[in-house]
Amino acid sequence: MSEYRIDELARLAGSTVRNIRAYQDRGLLPPPRLAGRVGLYDDSHLARLRLIGNLLGRGYTFAIIKDLLSAWETGKDVGDVLGLEKVLTDPWSDEIPGTATYEELVEKFGTGLDEDEVARMVERTVELGLIEPDGEAFRVPSPRLLHVGAELVAAGIPLGAVLDIAGQIRDDCDVIAGRFVGLVEEHVFDRLKEQPVPDGDEIREIAAVVRRMRPLVKMVVEPFIARAMEARVQASLGEHLETIRDHLGERPAADG
């Protein structure tokens, strides 16, 4: 096993001497082997230091990292915990975010609006999370949603009404998501409360359930939306269709 002085360890781990000493003070990194007055670290320190850096980069606090390392030292698999964390934090959409300039947004949505109205609509679109300021342009988390909005505006629906319905649909979807998560939480996640530290099998089972939820949500929501739209469209437009048919039926037949 190789041995390293603290400055060499910091270089290999992509860290700093100051961080290494701070991790030791917090009990995250074991002390080095002393050779006289020189502290010597080995490959286990290097592996631990890289793991700490990886966990910090993923947003873990020092307290959580200490608990994970303690679990690792007692024979539990930290990979199971990280695997669950990855399942919980991975995006649920494969859509690639896009960008749009202010001018592009005005061209798509600002026809007929004055400068103050455009500014208000942009601010409202940001509040809804449909666009995010990014320097001199805007980040578009979901280009599909922006495209739908552009199509509705092009069909003659006022932009304000489009943003109103976007907010309502977002809230409706939050309710649907809450029902799914509540179902799984009640019947799966609550098992975690039965013991302070779940074992690897339970963690893997929970991760698998969350993973299976991804396609299931779409499989349930899409048919319900389709059936609801069929009923709503028929109820809303059926009377208009009958009026059109009656009107066409009153026209005299063409000579021929």
Foldseek 3Di string as FASTA:
>chain_A
DDKDFLQVLCVLLVHHSVVVVVCVVLVQAPWADDDDPTGIDDVVRSVSSNVVVVCVVVPDDPVVSVVLVVCVVVPADSVLVVLLVCLVPPDLDPADKDKFALVRCCVQAVVPHDPVVSVVLVVLCVVLVQWDDDPRIIIGRHVVLVVVLSVVVVVPDHSVVSSVVSSVVVVVVVVVVVVVVVVCCVVQVCVCVVDVDDGSVSSNVSSVVSVVVSVVSVVPVVVVVVVVVVVVCCVVCVVVVVVVVVVVVPDDDDDD
